[in-house]
Amino acid sequence: QRRARPRVLALLASGRFDLVHHVTWGNFRWPVPLHG
């Protein structure tokens, strides 16, 4: 997930996305580093 954050930012920069949806894993206790 930590590696995914820069990849997500790169994808957002290269194409127009309206929304990011994190779906798995779906456990609230494991932080999702996709804020901001």
PDB file of all heavy atoms in Angstrom:
ATOM      1  N   GLN A   1       0.816  -1.205   0.000  1.00  0.00           N
ATOM      2  CA  GLN A   1       0.000   0.000   0.000  1.00  0.00           C
ATOM      3  C   GLN A   1       0.850   1.256   0.000  1.00  0.00           C
ATOM      4  O   GLN A   1       0.509   2.248  -0.660  1.00  0.00           O
ATOM      5  CB  GLN A   1      -0.945  -0.005   1.214  1.00  0.00           C
ATOM      6  CG  GLN A   1      -2.120  -0.941   1.089  1.00  0.00           C
ATOM      7  CD  GLN A   1      -3.120  -0.471   0.031  1.00  0.00           C
ATOM      8  OE1 GLN A   1      -2.935   0.519  -0.650  1.00  0.00           O
ATOM      9  NE2 GLN A   1      -4.198  -1.222  -0.123  1.00  0.00           N
ATOM     10  N   ARG A   2       1.954   1.227   0.727  1.00  0.00           N
ATOM     11  CA  ARG A   2       2.843   2.398   0.713  1.00  0.00           C
ATOM     12  C   ARG A   2       3.447   2.604  -0.672  1.00  0.00           C
ATOM     13  O   ARG A   2       3.616   3.746  -1.127  1.00  0.00           O
ATOM     14  CB  ARG A   2       3.935   2.242   1.770  1.00  0.00           C
ATOM     15  CG  ARG A   2       3.424   2.426   3.203  1.00  0.00           C
ATOM     16  CD  ARG A   2       4.562   2.604   4.179  1.00  0.00           C
ATOM     17  NE  ARG A   2       5.361   1.393   4.316  1.00  0.00           N
ATOM     18  CZ  ARG A   2       5.116   0.432   5.193  1.00  0.00           C
ATOM     19  NH1 ARG A   2       4.075   0.528   6.007  1.00  0.00           N
ATOM     20  NH2 ARG A   2       5.899  -0.623   5.268  1.00  0.00           N
ATOM     21  N   ARG A   3       3.772   1.501  -1.337  1.00  0.00           N
ATOM     22  CA  ARG A   3       4.273   1.609  -2.718  1.00  0.00           C
ATOM     23  C   ARG A   3       3.181   2.054  -3.681  1.00  0.00           C
ATOM     24  O   ARG A   3       3.453   2.662  -4.720  1.00  0.00           O
ATOM     25  CB  ARG A   3       4.827   0.257  -3.167  1.00  0.00           C
ATOM     26  CG  ARG A   3       6.172  -0.106  -2.572  1.00  0.00           C
ATOM     27  CD  ARG A   3       7.315   0.554  -3.328  1.00  0.00           C
ATOM     28  NE  ARG A   3       7.322   0.171  -4.724  1.00  0.00           N
ATOM     29  CZ  ARG A   3       7.891  -0.939  -5.200  1.00  0.00           C
ATOM     30  NH1 ARG A   3       8.468  -1.798  -4.370  1.00  0.00           N
ATOM     31  NH2 ARG A   3       7.865  -1.199  -6.483  1.00  0.00           N
ATOM     32  N   ALA A   4       1.930   1.732  -3.350  1.00  0.00           N
ATOM     33  CA  ALA A   4       0.816   2.064  -4.243  1.00  0.00           C
ATOM     34  C   ALA A   4       0.556   3.561  -4.275  1.00  0.00           C
ATOM     35  O   ALA A   4       0.100   4.083  -5.303  1.00  0.00           O
ATOM     36  CB  ALA A   4      -0.446   1.313  -3.811  1.00  0.00           C
ATOM     37  N   ARG A   5       0.811   4.272  -3.194  1.00  0.00           N
ATOM     38  CA  ARG A   5       0.489   5.704  -3.155  1.00  0.00           C
ATOM     39  C   ARG A   5       1.185   6.484  -4.272  1.00  0.00           C
ATOM     40  O   ARG A   5       0.520   7.212  -5.031  1.00  0.00           O
ATOM     41  CB  ARG A   5       0.813   6.294  -1.788  1.00  0.00           C
ATOM     42  CG  ARG A   5       0.510   7.798  -1.718  1.00  0.00           C
ATOM     43  CD  ARG A   5       0.812   8.387  -0.354  1.00  0.00           C
ATOM     44  NE  ARG A   5       0.645   9.830  -0.405  1.00  0.00           N
ATOM     45  CZ  ARG A   5      -0.516  10.456  -0.232  1.00  0.00           C
ATOM     46  NH1 ARG A   5      -1.614   9.758  -0.011  1.00  0.00           N
ATOM     47  NH2 ARG A   5      -0.563  11.775  -0.292  1.00  0.00           N
ATOM     48  N   PRO A   6       2.526   6.380  -4.439  1.00  0.00           N
ATOM     49  CA  PRO A   6       3.142   7.122  -5.558  1.00  0.00           C
ATOM     50  C   PRO A   6       2.641   6.660  -6.916  1.00  0.00           C
ATOM     51  O   PRO A   6       2.555   7.466  -7.853  1.00  0.00           O
ATOM     52  CB  PRO A   6       4.647   6.866  -5.383  1.00  0.00           C
ATOM     53  CG  PRO A   6       4.768   5.710  -4.467  1.00  0.00           C
ATOM     54  CD  PRO A   6       3.563   5.744  -3.594  1.00  0.00           C
ATOM     55  N   ARG A   7       2.287   5.375  -7.036  1.00  0.00           N
ATOM     56  CA  ARG A   7       1.747   4.894  -8.315  1.00  0.00           C
ATOM     57  C   ARG A   7       0.378   5.531  -8.578  1.00  0.00           C
ATOM     58  O   ARG A   7       0.073   5.912  -9.708  1.00  0.00           O
ATOM     59  CB  ARG A   7       1.632   3.376  -8.275  1.00  0.00           C
ATOM     60  CG  ARG A   7       1.173   2.730  -9.575  1.00  0.00           C
ATOM     61  CD  ARG A   7       2.229   2.854 -10.691  1.00  0.00           C
ATOM     62  NE  ARG A   7       1.860   2.033 -11.820  1.00  0.00           N
ATOM     63  CZ  ARG A   7       2.186   0.748 -11.970  1.00  0.00           C
ATOM     64  NH1 ARG A   7       2.912   0.142 -11.028  1.00  0.00           N
ATOM     65  NH2 ARG A   7       1.820   0.079 -13.038  1.00  0.00           N
ATOM     66  N   VAL A   8      -0.442   5.631  -7.549  1.00  0.00           N
ATOM     67  CA  VAL A   8      -1.745   6.287  -7.691  1.00  0.00           C
ATOM     68  C   VAL A   8      -1.556   7.743  -8.096  1.00  0.00           C
ATOM     69  O   VAL A   8      -2.247   8.244  -8.993  1.00  0.00           O
ATOM     70  CB  VAL A   8      -2.543   6.181  -6.379  1.00  0.00           C
ATOM     71  CG1 VAL A   8      -3.754   7.120  -6.392  1.00  0.00           C
ATOM     72  CG2 VAL A   8      -3.002   4.742  -6.156  1.00  0.00           C
ATOM     73  N   LEU A   9      -0.642   8.443  -7.447  1.00  0.00           N
ATOM     74  CA  LEU A   9      -0.392   9.851  -7.783  1.00  0.00           C
ATOM     75  C   LEU A   9       0.080   9.996  -9.222  1.00  0.00           C
ATOM     76  O   LEU A   9      -0.319  10.933  -9.933  1.00  0.00           O
ATOM     77  CB  LEU A   9       0.631  10.449  -6.813  1.00  0.00           C
ATOM     78  CG  LEU A   9       0.146  10.627  -5.364  1.00  0.00           C
ATOM     79  CD1 LEU A   9       1.298  11.032  -4.459  1.00  0.00           C
ATOM     80  CD2 LEU A   9      -0.974  11.658  -5.296  1.00  0.00           C
ATOM     81  N   ALA A  10       0.929   9.061  -9.685  1.00  0.00           N
ATOM     82  CA  ALA A  10       1.401   9.113 -11.063  1.00  0.00           C
ATOM     83  C   ALA A  10       0.257   8.879 -12.044  1.00  0.00           C
ATOM     84  O   ALA A  10       0.167   9.546 -13.085  1.00  0.00           O
ATOM     85  CB  ALA A  10       2.512   8.085 -11.273  1.00  0.00           C
ATOM     86  N   LEU A  11      -0.637   7.939 -11.719  1.00  0.00           N
ATOM     87  CA  LEU A  11      -1.785   7.675 -12.589  1.00  0.00           C
ATOM     88  C   LEU A  11      -2.726   8.873 -12.625  1.00  0.00           C
ATOM     89  O   LEU A  11      -3.267   9.230 -13.683  1.00  0.00           O
ATOM     90  CB  LEU A  11      -2.530   6.432 -12.114  1.00  0.00           C
ATOM     91  CG  LEU A  11      -1.818   5.099 -12.351  1.00  0.00           C
ATOM     92  CD1 LEU A  11      -2.507   3.963 -11.587  1.00  0.00           C
ATOM     93  CD2 LEU A  11      -1.776   4.762 -13.849  1.00  0.00           C
ATOM     94  N   LEU A  12      -2.903   9.530 -11.492  1.00  0.00           N
ATOM     95  CA  LEU A  12      -3.758  10.713 -11.457  1.00  0.00           C
ATOM     96  C   LEU A  12      -3.156  11.844 -12.285  1.00  0.00           C
ATOM     97  O   LEU A  12      -3.876  12.613 -12.926  1.00  0.00           O
ATOM     98  CB  LEU A  12      -3.960  11.178 -10.008  1.00  0.00           C
ATOM     99  CG  LEU A  12      -4.784  10.262  -9.104  1.00  0.00           C
ATOM    100  CD1 LEU A  12      -4.839  10.827  -7.689  1.00  0.00           C
ATOM    101  CD2 LEU A  12      -6.189  10.070  -9.654  1.00  0.00           C
ATOM    102  N   ALA A  13      -1.828  11.931 -12.290  1.00  0.00           N
ATOM    103  CA  ALA A  13      -1.169  12.987 -13.051  1.00  0.00           C
ATOM    104  C   ALA A  13      -1.198  12.726 -14.551  1.00  0.00           C
ATOM    105  O   ALA A  13      -1.216  13.666 -15.354  1.00  0.00           O
ATOM    106  CB  ALA A  13       0.283  13.140 -12.578  1.00  0.00           C
ATOM    107  N   SER A  14      -1.244  11.440 -14.931  1.00  0.00           N
ATOM    108  CA  SER A  14      -1.171  11.111 -16.357  1.00  0.00           C
ATOM    109  C   SER A  14      -2.531  11.018 -17.032  1.00  0.00           C
ATOM    110  O   SER A  14      -2.619  11.020 -18.258  1.00  0.00           O
ATOM    111  CB  SER A  14      -0.433   9.780 -16.543  1.00  0.00           C
ATOM    112  OG  SER A  14      -1.159   8.721 -15.923  1.00  0.00           O
ATOM    113  N   GLY A  15      -3.600  10.944 -16.261  1.00  0.00           N
ATOM    114  CA  GLY A  15      -4.921  10.837 -16.852  1.00  0.00           C
ATOM    115  C   GLY A  15      -5.963  11.448 -15.953  1.00  0.00           C
ATOM    116  O   GLY A  15      -5.787  11.527 -14.729  1.00  0.00           O
ATOM    117  N   ARG A  16      -7.058  11.893 -16.524  1.00  0.00           N
ATOM    118  CA  ARG A  16      -8.097  12.551 -15.735  1.00  0.00           C
ATOM    119  C   ARG A  16      -8.977  11.501 -15.066  1.00  0.00           C
ATOM    120  O   ARG A  16      -9.684  10.742 -15.735  1.00  0.00           O
ATOM    121  CB  ARG A  16      -8.957  13.456 -16.625  1.00  0.00           C
ATOM    122  CG  ARG A  16      -9.948  14.313 -15.833  1.00  0.00           C
ATOM    123  CD  ARG A  16     -10.852  15.086 -16.756  1.00  0.00           C
ATOM    124  NE  ARG A  16     -11.749  14.194 -17.490  1.00  0.00           N
ATOM    125  CZ  ARG A  16     -12.882  13.695 -16.996  1.00  0.00           C
ATOM    126  NH1 ARG A  16     -13.232  13.987 -15.758  1.00  0.00           N
ATOM    127  NH2 ARG A  16     -13.652  12.914 -17.729  1.00  0.00           N
ATOM    128  N   PHE A  17      -8.901  11.449 -13.756  1.00  0.00           N
ATOM    129  CA  PHE A  17      -9.778  10.577 -12.979  1.00  0.00           C
ATOM    130  C   PHE A  17     -10.676  11.444 -12.116  1.00  0.00           C
ATOM    131  O   PHE A  17     -10.263  12.491 -11.600  1.00  0.00           O
ATOM    132  CB  PHE A  17      -8.967   9.622 -12.094  1.00  0.00           C
ATOM    133  CG  PHE A  17      -8.294   8.515 -12.855  1.00  0.00           C
ATOM    134  CD1 PHE A  17      -6.977   8.660 -13.305  1.00  0.00           C
ATOM    135  CD2 PHE A  17      -8.956   7.334 -13.143  1.00  0.00           C
ATOM    136  CE1 PHE A  17      -6.345   7.651 -14.003  1.00  0.00           C
ATOM    137  CE2 PHE A  17      -8.335   6.311 -13.853  1.00  0.00           C
ATOM    138  CZ  PHE A  17      -7.022   6.476 -14.283  1.00  0.00           C
ATOM    139  N   ASP A  18     -11.905  11.001 -11.958  1.00  0.00           N
ATOM    140  CA  ASP A  18     -12.865  11.738 -11.144  1.00  0.00           C
ATOM    141  C   ASP A  18     -12.909  11.255  -9.711  1.00  0.00           C
ATOM    142  O   ASP A  18     -13.390  11.971  -8.824  1.00  0.00           O
ATOM    143  CB  ASP A  18     -14.271  11.591 -11.753  1.00  0.00           C
ATOM    144  CG  ASP A  18     -14.334  12.076 -13.182  1.00  0.00           C
ATOM    145  OD1 ASP A  18     -14.087  13.273 -13.402  1.00  0.00           O
ATOM    146  OD2 ASP A  18     -14.605  11.248 -14.081  1.00  0.00           O
ATOM    147  N   LEU A  19     -12.395  10.049  -9.482  1.00  0.00           N
ATOM    148  CA  LEU A  19     -12.576   9.434  -8.180  1.00  0.00           C
ATOM    149  C   LEU A  19     -11.541   8.343  -7.980  1.00  0.00           C
ATOM    150  O   LEU A  19     -11.194   7.631  -8.925  1.00  0.00           O
ATOM    151  CB  LEU A  19     -13.987   8.809  -8.110  1.00  0.00           C
ATOM    152  CG  LEU A  19     -14.462   8.194  -6.806  1.00  0.00           C
ATOM    153  CD1 LEU A  19     -14.820   9.291  -5.808  1.00  0.00           C
ATOM    154  CD2 LEU A  19     -15.691   7.311  -7.054  1.00  0.00           C
ATOM    155  N   VAL A  20     -11.048   8.202  -6.753  1.00  0.00           N
ATOM    156  CA  VAL A  20     -10.227   7.058  -6.357  1.00  0.00           C
ATOM    157  C   VAL A  20     -11.015   6.262  -5.322  1.00  0.00           C
ATOM    158  O   VAL A  20     -11.548   6.826  -4.363  1.00  0.00           O
ATOM    159  CB  VAL A  20      -8.872   7.490  -5.774  1.00  0.00           C
ATOM    160  CG1 VAL A  20      -8.115   6.290  -5.208  1.00  0.00           C
ATOM    161  CG2 VAL A  20      -8.026   8.184  -6.838  1.00  0.00           C
ATOM    162  N   HIS A  21     -11.111   4.956  -5.551  1.00  0.00           N
ATOM    163  CA  HIS A  21     -11.866   4.088  -4.646  1.00  0.00           C
ATOM    164  C   HIS A  21     -10.935   2.971  -4.172  1.00  0.00           C
ATOM    165  O   HIS A  21     -10.497   2.144  -4.971  1.00  0.00           O
ATOM    166  CB  HIS A  21     -13.085   3.509  -5.370  1.00  0.00           C
ATOM    167  CG  HIS A  21     -13.953   2.657  -4.497  1.00  0.00           C
ATOM    168  ND1 HIS A  21     -15.110   2.057  -4.956  1.00  0.00           N
ATOM    169  CD2 HIS A  21     -13.840   2.274  -3.189  1.00  0.00           C
ATOM    170  CE1 HIS A  21     -15.669   1.369  -3.978  1.00  0.00           C
ATOM    171  NE2 HIS A  21     -14.913   1.469  -2.903  1.00  0.00           N
ATOM    172  N   HIS A  22     -10.647   2.953  -2.874  1.00  0.00           N
ATOM    173  CA  HIS A  22      -9.884   1.849  -2.284  1.00  0.00           C
ATOM    174  C   HIS A  22     -10.861   0.782  -1.835  1.00  0.00           C
ATOM    175  O   HIS A  22     -11.753   1.036  -1.016  1.00  0.00           O
ATOM    176  CB  HIS A  22      -9.063   2.320  -1.089  1.00  0.00           C
ATOM    177  CG  HIS A  22      -8.498   1.174  -0.290  1.00  0.00           C
ATOM    178  ND1 HIS A  22      -7.340   0.539  -0.645  1.00  0.00           N
ATOM    179  CD2 HIS A  22      -8.968   0.525   0.816  1.00  0.00           C
ATOM    180  CE1 HIS A  22      -7.092  -0.449   0.211  1.00  0.00           C
ATOM    181  NE2 HIS A  22      -8.071  -0.475   1.108  1.00  0.00           N
ATOM    182  N   VAL A  23     -10.710  -0.461  -2.356  1.00  0.00           N
ATOM    183  CA  VAL A  23     -11.700  -1.497  -2.063  1.00  0.00           C
ATOM    184  C   VAL A  23     -11.118  -2.704  -1.330  1.00  0.00           C
ATOM    185  O   VAL A  23     -11.815  -3.324  -0.523  1.00  0.00           O
ATOM    186  CB  VAL A  23     -12.436  -1.920  -3.357  1.00  0.00           C
ATOM    187  CG1 VAL A  23     -11.519  -2.603  -4.324  1.00  0.00           C
ATOM    188  CG2 VAL A  23     -13.646  -2.789  -3.059  1.00  0.00           C
ATOM    189  N   THR A  24      -9.867  -3.088  -1.584  1.00  0.00           N
ATOM    190  CA  THR A  24      -9.282  -4.215  -0.849  1.00  0.00           C
ATOM    191  C   THR A  24      -7.826  -3.877  -0.494  1.00  0.00           C
ATOM    192  O   THR A  24      -7.130  -3.253  -1.278  1.00  0.00           O
ATOM    193  CB  THR A  24      -9.282  -5.529  -1.677  1.00  0.00           C
ATOM    194  OG1 THR A  24      -8.498  -5.385  -2.837  1.00  0.00           O
ATOM    195  CG2 THR A  24     -10.685  -5.933  -2.052  1.00  0.00           C
ATOM    196  N   TRP A  25      -7.433  -4.406   0.680  1.00  0.00           N
ATOM    197  CA  TRP A  25      -8.185  -5.111   1.670  1.00  0.00           C
ATOM    198  C   TRP A  25      -9.216  -4.215   2.331  1.00  0.00           C
ATOM    199  O   TRP A  25      -8.996  -3.022   2.497  1.00  0.00           O
ATOM    200  CB  TRP A  25      -7.293  -5.680   2.751  1.00  0.00           C
ATOM    201  CG  TRP A  25      -6.450  -6.832   2.345  1.00  0.00           C
ATOM    202  CD1 TRP A  25      -6.496  -7.533   1.186  1.00  0.00           C
ATOM    203  CD2 TRP A  25      -5.405  -7.422   3.120  1.00  0.00           C
ATOM    204  NE1 TRP A  25      -5.570  -8.537   1.189  1.00  0.00           N
ATOM    205  CE2 TRP A  25      -4.888  -8.479   2.383  1.00  0.00           C
ATOM    206  CE3 TRP A  25      -4.877  -7.166   4.380  1.00  0.00           C
ATOM    207  CZ2 TRP A  25      -3.866  -9.288   2.843  1.00  0.00           C
ATOM    208  CZ3 TRP A  25      -3.853  -7.944   4.849  1.00  0.00           C
ATOM    209  CH2 TRP A  25      -3.358  -9.001   4.084  1.00  0.00           C
ATOM    210  N   GLY A  26     -10.299  -4.839   2.775  1.00  0.00           N
ATOM    211  CA  GLY A  26     -11.355  -4.070   3.404  1.00  0.00           C
ATOM    212  C   GLY A  26     -11.380  -4.257   4.902  1.00  0.00           C
ATOM    213  O   GLY A  26     -12.338  -4.814   5.439  1.00  0.00           O
ATOM    214  N   ASN A  27     -10.342  -3.794   5.599  1.00  0.00           N
ATOM    215  CA  ASN A  27     -10.305  -3.881   7.058  1.00  0.00           C
ATOM    216  C   ASN A  27      -9.963  -2.506   7.608  1.00  0.00           C
ATOM    217  O   ASN A  27      -8.924  -1.934   7.271  1.00  0.00           O
ATOM    218  CB  ASN A  27      -9.281  -4.910   7.520  1.00  0.00           C
ATOM    219  CG  ASN A  27      -9.412  -5.227   9.007  1.00  0.00           C
ATOM    220  OD1 ASN A  27      -9.386  -4.342   9.846  1.00  0.00           O
ATOM    221  ND2 ASN A  27      -9.547  -6.503   9.329  1.00  0.00           N
ATOM    222  N   PHE A  28     -10.813  -1.984   8.477  1.00  0.00           N
ATOM    223  CA  PHE A  28     -10.641  -0.610   8.935  1.00  0.00           C
ATOM    224  C   PHE A  28      -9.383  -0.420   9.765  1.00  0.00           C
ATOM    225  O   PHE A  28      -8.870   0.702   9.882  1.00  0.00           O
ATOM    226  CB  PHE A  28     -11.873  -0.172   9.736  1.00  0.00           C
ATOM    227  CG  PHE A  28     -11.789  -0.451  11.221  1.00  0.00           C
ATOM    228  CD1 PHE A  28     -11.388   0.534  12.111  1.00  0.00           C
ATOM    229  CD2 PHE A  28     -12.117  -1.701  11.727  1.00  0.00           C
ATOM    230  CE1 PHE A  28     -11.308   0.286  13.468  1.00  0.00           C
ATOM    231  CE2 PHE A  28     -12.047  -1.959  13.082  1.00  0.00           C
ATOM    232  CZ  PHE A  28     -11.638  -0.964  13.961  1.00  0.00           C
ATOM    233  N   ARG A  29      -8.827  -1.487  10.329  1.00  0.00           N
ATOM    234  CA  ARG A  29      -7.681  -1.347  11.226  1.00  0.00           C
ATOM    235  C   ARG A  29      -6.362  -1.183  10.476  1.00  0.00           C
ATOM    236  O   ARG A  29      -5.341  -0.892  11.101  1.00  0.00           O
ATOM    237  CB  ARG A  29      -7.592  -2.554  12.163  1.00  0.00           C
ATOM    238  CG  ARG A  29      -8.812  -2.776  13.015  1.00  0.00           C
ATOM    239  CD  ARG A  29      -8.554  -3.773  14.134  1.00  0.00           C
ATOM    240  NE  ARG A  29      -7.992  -5.023  13.646  1.00  0.00           N
ATOM    241  CZ  ARG A  29      -8.711  -6.047  13.199  1.00  0.00           C
ATOM    242  NH1 ARG A  29     -10.029  -5.943  13.148  1.00  0.00           N
ATOM    243  NH2 ARG A  29      -8.139  -7.155  12.800  1.00  0.00           N
ATOM    244  N   TRP A  30      -6.362  -1.409   9.183  1.00  0.00           N
ATOM    245  CA  TRP A  30      -5.126  -1.305   8.425  1.00  0.00           C
ATOM    246  C   TRP A  30      -5.173  -0.033   7.605  1.00  0.00           C
ATOM    247  O   TRP A  30      -5.909   0.056   6.626  1.00  0.00           O
ATOM    248  CB  TRP A  30      -4.928  -2.539   7.537  1.00  0.00           C
ATOM    249  CG  TRP A  30      -4.858  -3.774   8.374  1.00  0.00           C
ATOM    250  CD1 TRP A  30      -4.346  -3.896   9.633  1.00  0.00           C
ATOM    251  CD2 TRP A  30      -5.336  -5.073   8.028  1.00  0.00           C
ATOM    252  NE1 TRP A  30      -4.469  -5.178  10.093  1.00  0.00           N
ATOM    253  CE2 TRP A  30      -5.068  -5.930   9.126  1.00  0.00           C
ATOM    254  CE3 TRP A  30      -5.949  -5.605   6.898  1.00  0.00           C
ATOM    255  CZ2 TRP A  30      -5.398  -7.274   9.121  1.00  0.00           C
ATOM    256  CZ3 TRP A  30      -6.282  -6.956   6.901  1.00  0.00           C
ATOM    257  CH2 TRP A  30      -5.995  -7.768   7.996  1.00  0.00           C
ATOM    258  N   PRO A  31      -4.403   0.973   7.992  1.00  0.00           N
ATOM    259  CA  PRO A  31      -4.513   2.308   7.379  1.00  0.00           C
ATOM    260  C   PRO A  31      -4.322   2.289   5.868  1.00  0.00           C
ATOM    261  O   PRO A  31      -3.536   1.514   5.325  1.00  0.00           O
ATOM    262  CB  PRO A  31      -3.388   3.090   8.059  1.00  0.00           C
ATOM    263  CG  PRO A  31      -3.122   2.352   9.331  1.00  0.00           C
ATOM    264  CD  PRO A  31      -3.388   0.912   9.037  1.00  0.00           C
ATOM    265  N   VAL A  32      -5.060   3.161   5.202  1.00  0.00           N
ATOM    266  CA  VAL A  32      -4.994   3.302   3.748  1.00  0.00           C
ATOM    267  C   VAL A  32      -4.247   4.609   3.443  1.00  0.00           C
ATOM    268  O   VAL A  32      -4.788   5.684   3.672  1.00  0.00           O
ATOM    269  CB  VAL A  32      -6.403   3.344   3.135  1.00  0.00           C
ATOM    270  CG1 VAL A  32      -6.307   3.455   1.618  1.00  0.00           C
ATOM    271  CG2 VAL A  32      -7.201   2.125   3.531  1.00  0.00           C
ATOM    272  N   PRO A  33      -3.018   4.556   2.958  1.00  0.00           N
ATOM    273  CA  PRO A  33      -2.242   5.793   2.751  1.00  0.00           C
ATOM    274  C   PRO A  33      -2.609   6.521   1.456  1.00  0.00           C
ATOM    275  O   PRO A  33      -1.770   6.762   0.595  1.00  0.00           O
ATOM    276  CB  PRO A  33      -0.794   5.275   2.721  1.00  0.00           C
ATOM    277  CG  PRO A  33      -0.909   3.896   2.173  1.00  0.00           C
ATOM    278  CD  PRO A  33      -2.231   3.355   2.664  1.00  0.00           C
ATOM    279  N   LEU A  34      -3.885   6.850   1.298  1.00  0.00           N
ATOM    280  CA  LEU A  34      -4.352   7.533   0.096  1.00  0.00           C
ATOM    281  C   LEU A  34      -5.032   8.861   0.443  1.00  0.00           C
ATOM    282  O   LEU A  34      -5.798   9.400  -0.354  1.00  0.00           O
ATOM    283  CB  LEU A  34      -5.324   6.645  -0.690  1.00  0.00           C
ATOM    284  CG  LEU A  34      -4.722   5.373  -1.294  1.00  0.00           C
ATOM    285  CD1 LEU A  34      -5.805   4.531  -1.958  1.00  0.00           C
ATOM    286  CD2 LEU A  34      -3.626   5.708  -2.305  1.00  0.00           C
ATOM    287  N   HIS A  35      -4.750   9.380   1.625  1.00  0.00           N
ATOM    288  CA  HIS A  35      -5.314  10.660   2.020  1.00  0.00           C
ATOM    289  C   HIS A  35      -4.644  11.793   1.233  1.00  0.00           C
ATOM    290  O   HIS A  35      -3.546  11.640   0.713  1.00  0.00           O
ATOM    291  CB  HIS A  35      -5.091  10.889   3.518  1.00  0.00           C
ATOM    292  CG  HIS A  35      -3.660  10.754   3.920  1.00  0.00           C
ATOM    293  ND1 HIS A  35      -3.069   9.515   4.112  1.00  0.00           N
ATOM    294  CD2 HIS A  35      -2.688  11.675   4.129  1.00  0.00           C
ATOM    295  CE1 HIS A  35      -1.795   9.685   4.443  1.00  0.00           C
ATOM    296  NE2 HIS A  35      -1.532  10.989   4.455  1.00  0.00           N
ATOM    297  N   GLY A  36      -5.318  12.904   1.150  1.00  0.00           N
ATOM    298  CA  GLY A  36      -4.735  14.090   0.521  1.00  0.00           C
ATOM    299  C   GLY A  36      -4.611  14.019  -0.978  1.00  0.00           C
ATOM    300  O   GLY A  36      -3.765  14.702  -1.564  1.00  0.00           O
TER     301      GLY A  36
END
